Amino acid sequence: MTTADNARILRAEEVTGLVAEIPAGHRHLRTTLTLADGTSLTLQESTIAAMVRAYTAVKTGPITTRVVMRGRMIAERKPGYAEWQLLEE
């Protein structure tokens, strides 16, 4: 489904498969959604982690109804973390 502002909303019935795995030779999770139209979307672990943080904040927070995150470069970070991260505003 596409909305007036050209954003796509995936309905549950449009997702026909999901694979979460750590590919051979990699250290981080990749999650691939397969859609009914045959396309697939692969998300890196950091993207899924940001989505889980946002989901948890909204679903469990007593007054939180919205979380906004923006991608930005992080020069100083923990070992193994990517330079580009989605962080809460």
N, C-alpha and C. Protein backbone atom coordinates (compact mmCIF):
# COMPACT_ATOMS: atom_id res chain seq x y z
N MET A 1 0.85 -1.18 0.00
CA MET A 1 0.00 0.00 0.00
C MET A 1 0.89 1.23 0.00
N THR A 2 0.49 2.27 -0.75
CA THR A 2 1.22 3.52 -0.78
C THR A 2 0.29 4.63 -0.30
N THR A 3 0.80 5.51 0.55
CA THR A 3 0.01 6.61 1.06
C THR A 3 0.18 7.82 0.16
N ALA A 4 -0.56 8.89 0.46
CA ALA A 4 -0.53 10.10 -0.36
C ALA A 4 0.86 10.72 -0.42
N ASP A 5 1.64 10.61 0.65
CA ASP A 5 2.98 11.21 0.65
C ASP A 5 4.04 10.27 0.07
N ASN A 6 3.60 9.21 -0.63
CA ASN A 6 4.47 8.26 -1.31
C ASN A 6 5.24 7.34 -0.35
N ALA A 7 4.84 7.29 0.90
CA ALA A 7 5.44 6.35 1.85
C ALA A 7 4.74 5.01 1.71
N ARG A 8 5.51 3.95 1.74
CA ARG A 8 4.92 2.61 1.61
C ARG A 8 4.69 2.02 2.99
N ILE A 9 3.51 1.49 3.20
CA ILE A 9 3.16 0.80 4.44
C ILE A 9 3.03 -0.68 4.10
N LEU A 10 3.84 -1.51 4.77
CA LEU A 10 3.76 -2.95 4.54
C LEU A 10 2.72 -3.55 5.46
N ARG A 11 1.70 -4.15 4.89
CA ARG A 11 0.71 -4.88 5.68
C ARG A 11 1.27 -6.25 5.99
N ALA A 12 0.79 -6.85 7.06
CA ALA A 12 1.28 -8.17 7.47
C ALA A 12 1.14 -9.19 6.35
N GLU A 13 0.04 -9.13 5.60
CA GLU A 13 -0.17 -10.12 4.54
C GLU A 13 0.73 -9.92 3.33
N GLU A 14 1.43 -8.79 3.26
CA GLU A 14 2.39 -8.57 2.18
C GLU A 14 3.74 -9.20 2.47
N VAL A 15 4.00 -9.53 3.73
CA VAL A 15 5.26 -10.16 4.11
C VAL A 15 5.04 -11.68 4.12
N THR A 16 5.69 -12.35 3.17
CA THR A 16 5.48 -13.80 3.05
C THR A 16 6.60 -14.61 3.70
N GLY A 17 7.67 -13.95 4.09
CA GLY A 17 8.76 -14.68 4.73
C GLY A 17 9.72 -13.74 5.43
N LEU A 18 10.43 -14.29 6.40
CA LEU A 18 11.44 -13.54 7.14
C LEU A 18 12.57 -14.50 7.50
N VAL A 19 13.79 -14.08 7.22
CA VAL A 19 14.96 -14.87 7.60
C VAL A 19 15.88 -13.95 8.39
N ALA A 20 16.22 -14.35 9.60
CA ALA A 20 17.20 -13.64 10.42
C ALA A 20 18.39 -14.56 10.58
N GLU A 21 19.57 -14.08 10.19
CA GLU A 21 20.75 -14.94 10.22
C GLU A 21 22.03 -14.13 10.32
N ILE A 22 23.07 -14.78 10.76
CA ILE A 22 24.40 -14.20 10.68
C ILE A 22 25.08 -14.91 9.51
N PRO A 23 25.25 -14.20 8.40
CA PRO A 23 25.82 -14.86 7.21
C PRO A 23 27.26 -15.34 7.47
N ALA A 24 27.65 -16.37 6.75
CA ALA A 24 29.02 -16.89 6.86
C ALA A 24 30.02 -15.76 6.62
N GLY A 25 31.00 -15.68 7.47
CA GLY A 25 32.04 -14.66 7.33
C GLY A 25 31.68 -13.32 7.93
N HIS A 26 30.49 -13.21 8.52
CA HIS A 26 30.04 -11.95 9.13
C HIS A 26 29.88 -12.14 10.63
N ARG A 27 29.80 -11.02 11.35
CA ARG A 27 29.61 -11.07 12.80
C ARG A 27 28.23 -10.57 13.22
N HIS A 28 27.56 -9.86 12.32
CA HIS A 28 26.30 -9.22 12.69
C HIS A 28 25.12 -9.82 11.96
N LEU A 29 23.97 -9.70 12.61
CA LEU A 29 22.71 -10.23 12.10
C LEU A 29 22.25 -9.48 10.85
N ARG A 30 21.69 -10.19 9.94
CA ARG A 30 20.98 -9.62 8.78
C ARG A 30 19.58 -10.21 8.80
N THR A 31 18.59 -9.37 8.53
CA THR A 31 17.20 -9.84 8.50
C THR A 31 16.62 -9.50 7.14
N THR A 32 16.11 -10.51 6.46
CA THR A 32 15.55 -10.31 5.13
C THR A 32 14.05 -10.60 5.16
N LEU A 33 13.28 -9.62 4.71
CA LEU A 33 11.83 -9.77 4.55
C LEU A 33 11.57 -10.08 3.08
N THR A 34 10.78 -11.10 2.81
CA THR A 34 10.35 -11.41 1.46
C THR A 34 8.91 -10.97 1.33
N LEU A 35 8.63 -10.22 0.27
CA LEU A 35 7.30 -9.66 0.07
C LEU A 35 6.52 -10.45 -0.98
N ALA A 36 5.21 -10.33 -0.92
CA ALA A 36 4.32 -11.08 -1.81
C ALA A 36 4.59 -10.77 -3.28
N ASP A 37 5.08 -9.58 -3.59
CA ASP A 37 5.35 -9.23 -4.99
C ASP A 37 6.70 -9.75 -5.48
N GLY A 38 7.41 -10.51 -4.61
CA GLY A 38 8.68 -11.11 -5.00
C GLY A 38 9.91 -10.31 -4.62
N THR A 39 9.73 -9.09 -4.17
CA THR A 39 10.89 -8.30 -3.76
C THR A 39 11.31 -8.69 -2.34
N SER A 40 12.52 -8.31 -2.00
CA SER A 40 12.99 -8.57 -0.64
C SER A 40 13.73 -7.35 -0.11
N LEU A 41 13.71 -7.22 1.19
CA LEU A 41 14.42 -6.13 1.88
C LEU A 41 15.33 -6.77 2.91
N THR A 42 16.60 -6.42 2.89
CA THR A 42 17.54 -6.94 3.88
C THR A 42 17.98 -5.79 4.76
N LEU A 43 17.80 -5.96 6.06
CA LEU A 43 18.14 -4.94 7.05
C LEU A 43 19.32 -5.40 7.88
N GLN A 44 20.25 -4.49 8.12
CA GLN A 44 21.39 -4.81 8.95
C GLN A 44 20.99 -4.79 10.42
N GLU A 45 21.81 -5.43 11.25
CA GLU A 45 21.52 -5.56 12.68
C GLU A 45 21.28 -4.21 13.34
N SER A 46 22.07 -3.20 12.99
CA SER A 46 21.92 -1.90 13.64
C SER A 46 20.56 -1.27 13.34
N THR A 47 20.02 -1.52 12.15
CA THR A 47 18.70 -0.99 11.81
C THR A 47 17.62 -1.70 12.61
N ILE A 48 17.72 -3.02 12.70
CA ILE A 48 16.75 -3.79 13.49
C ILE A 48 16.83 -3.38 14.96
N ALA A 49 18.05 -3.19 15.48
CA ALA A 49 18.22 -2.80 16.89
C ALA A 49 17.56 -1.44 17.15
N ALA A 50 17.71 -0.51 16.22
CA ALA A 50 17.07 0.81 16.38
C ALA A 50 15.55 0.67 16.37
N MET A 51 15.03 -0.18 15.49
CA MET A 51 13.59 -0.39 15.44
C MET A 51 13.08 -1.02 16.73
N VAL A 52 13.83 -1.96 17.28
CA VAL A 52 13.44 -2.61 18.54
C VAL A 52 13.46 -1.60 19.68
N ARG A 53 14.48 -0.73 19.72
CA ARG A 53 14.53 0.31 20.77
C ARG A 53 13.32 1.22 20.67
N ALA A 54 12.98 1.65 19.46
CA ALA A 54 11.83 2.54 19.27
C ALA A 54 10.53 1.83 19.63
N TYR A 55 10.37 0.60 19.18
CA TYR A 55 9.17 -0.18 19.47
C TYR A 55 8.99 -0.34 20.97
N THR A 56 10.07 -0.72 21.66
CA THR A 56 10.01 -0.94 23.10
C THR A 56 9.66 0.35 23.84
N ALA A 57 10.25 1.45 23.42
CA ALA A 57 9.98 2.74 24.08
C ALA A 57 8.50 3.12 23.95
N VAL A 58 7.93 2.92 22.77
CA VAL A 58 6.54 3.31 22.56
C VAL A 58 5.58 2.33 23.23
N LYS A 59 5.85 1.03 23.12
CA LYS A 59 4.94 0.03 23.68
C LYS A 59 4.98 -0.06 25.20
N THR A 60 6.11 0.24 25.81
CA THR A 60 6.22 0.08 27.26
C THR A 60 6.25 1.39 28.02
N GLY A 61 6.50 2.49 27.32
CA GLY A 61 6.55 3.79 28.00
C GLY A 61 5.15 4.24 28.38
N PRO A 62 4.97 4.70 29.61
CA PRO A 62 3.62 5.10 30.05
C PRO A 62 3.07 6.33 29.31
N ILE A 63 3.95 7.20 28.82
CA ILE A 63 3.46 8.39 28.11
C ILE A 63 4.08 8.55 26.73
N THR A 64 5.04 7.71 26.36
CA THR A 64 5.70 7.81 25.06
C THR A 64 4.79 7.26 23.97
N THR A 65 4.49 8.09 22.98
CA THR A 65 3.65 7.65 21.86
C THR A 65 4.38 7.76 20.53
N ARG A 66 5.61 8.30 20.57
CA ARG A 66 6.35 8.51 19.32
C ARG A 66 7.84 8.57 19.63
N VAL A 67 8.63 7.94 18.78
CA VAL A 67 10.09 8.04 18.86
C VAL A 67 10.58 8.45 17.48
N VAL A 68 11.45 9.44 17.43
CA VAL A 68 12.05 9.89 16.17
C VAL A 68 13.55 9.62 16.26
N MET A 69 14.08 8.97 15.23
CA MET A 69 15.51 8.70 15.16
C MET A 69 16.05 9.28 13.86
N ARG A 70 17.28 9.71 13.91
CA ARG A 70 17.95 10.24 12.72
C ARG A 70 19.31 9.56 12.61
N GLY A 71 19.73 9.30 11.39
CA GLY A 71 21.03 8.72 11.16
C GLY A 71 22.11 9.78 11.24
N ARG A 72 23.23 9.40 11.86
CA ARG A 72 24.36 10.33 11.92
C ARG A 72 25.65 9.56 12.14
N MET A 73 26.75 10.22 11.80
CA MET A 73 28.08 9.65 11.96
C MET A 73 28.50 9.81 13.42
N ILE A 74 29.06 8.75 13.98
CA ILE A 74 29.54 8.76 15.36
C ILE A 74 31.04 8.48 15.31
N ALA A 75 31.84 9.49 15.65
CA ALA A 75 33.30 9.32 15.61
C ALA A 75 33.78 8.44 16.76
N GLU A 76 33.32 8.71 17.97
CA GLU A 76 33.73 7.92 19.13
C GLU A 76 32.62 6.94 19.47
N ARG A 77 32.95 5.66 19.38
CA ARG A 77 31.94 4.62 19.61
C ARG A 77 32.60 3.38 20.18
N LYS A 78 31.79 2.45 20.64
CA LYS A 78 32.29 1.19 21.18
C LYS A 78 32.90 0.35 20.06
N PRO A 79 33.89 -0.49 20.39
CA PRO A 79 34.47 -1.37 19.37
C PRO A 79 33.38 -2.25 18.73
N GLY A 80 33.44 -2.38 17.41
CA GLY A 80 32.49 -3.21 16.69
C GLY A 80 31.23 -2.48 16.26
N TYR A 81 31.05 -1.24 16.71
CA TYR A 81 29.87 -0.46 16.34
C TYR A 81 30.16 0.34 15.08
N ALA A 82 29.17 0.49 14.22
CA ALA A 82 29.31 1.20 12.97
C ALA A 82 29.41 2.71 13.19
N GLU A 83 30.04 3.39 12.24
CA GLU A 83 30.13 4.86 12.31
C GLU A 83 28.74 5.50 12.14
N TRP A 84 27.95 4.91 11.26
CA TRP A 84 26.63 5.47 10.95
C TRP A 84 25.60 4.77 11.83
N GLN A 85 24.86 5.55 12.63
CA GLN A 85 23.88 4.95 13.53
C GLN A 85 22.60 5.77 13.55
N LEU A 86 21.49 5.08 13.75
CA LEU A 86 20.21 5.73 13.98
C LEU A 86 20.10 5.98 15.48
N LEU A 87 19.98 7.26 15.85
CA LEU A 87 19.92 7.62 17.26
C LEU A 87 18.70 8.48 17.55
N GLU A 88 18.19 8.34 18.76
CA GLU A 88 17.03 9.09 19.18
C GLU A 88 17.36 10.58 19.17
N GLU A 89 16.36 11.38 18.79
CA GLU A 89 16.53 12.83 18.83
C GLU A 89 16.09 13.35 20.19
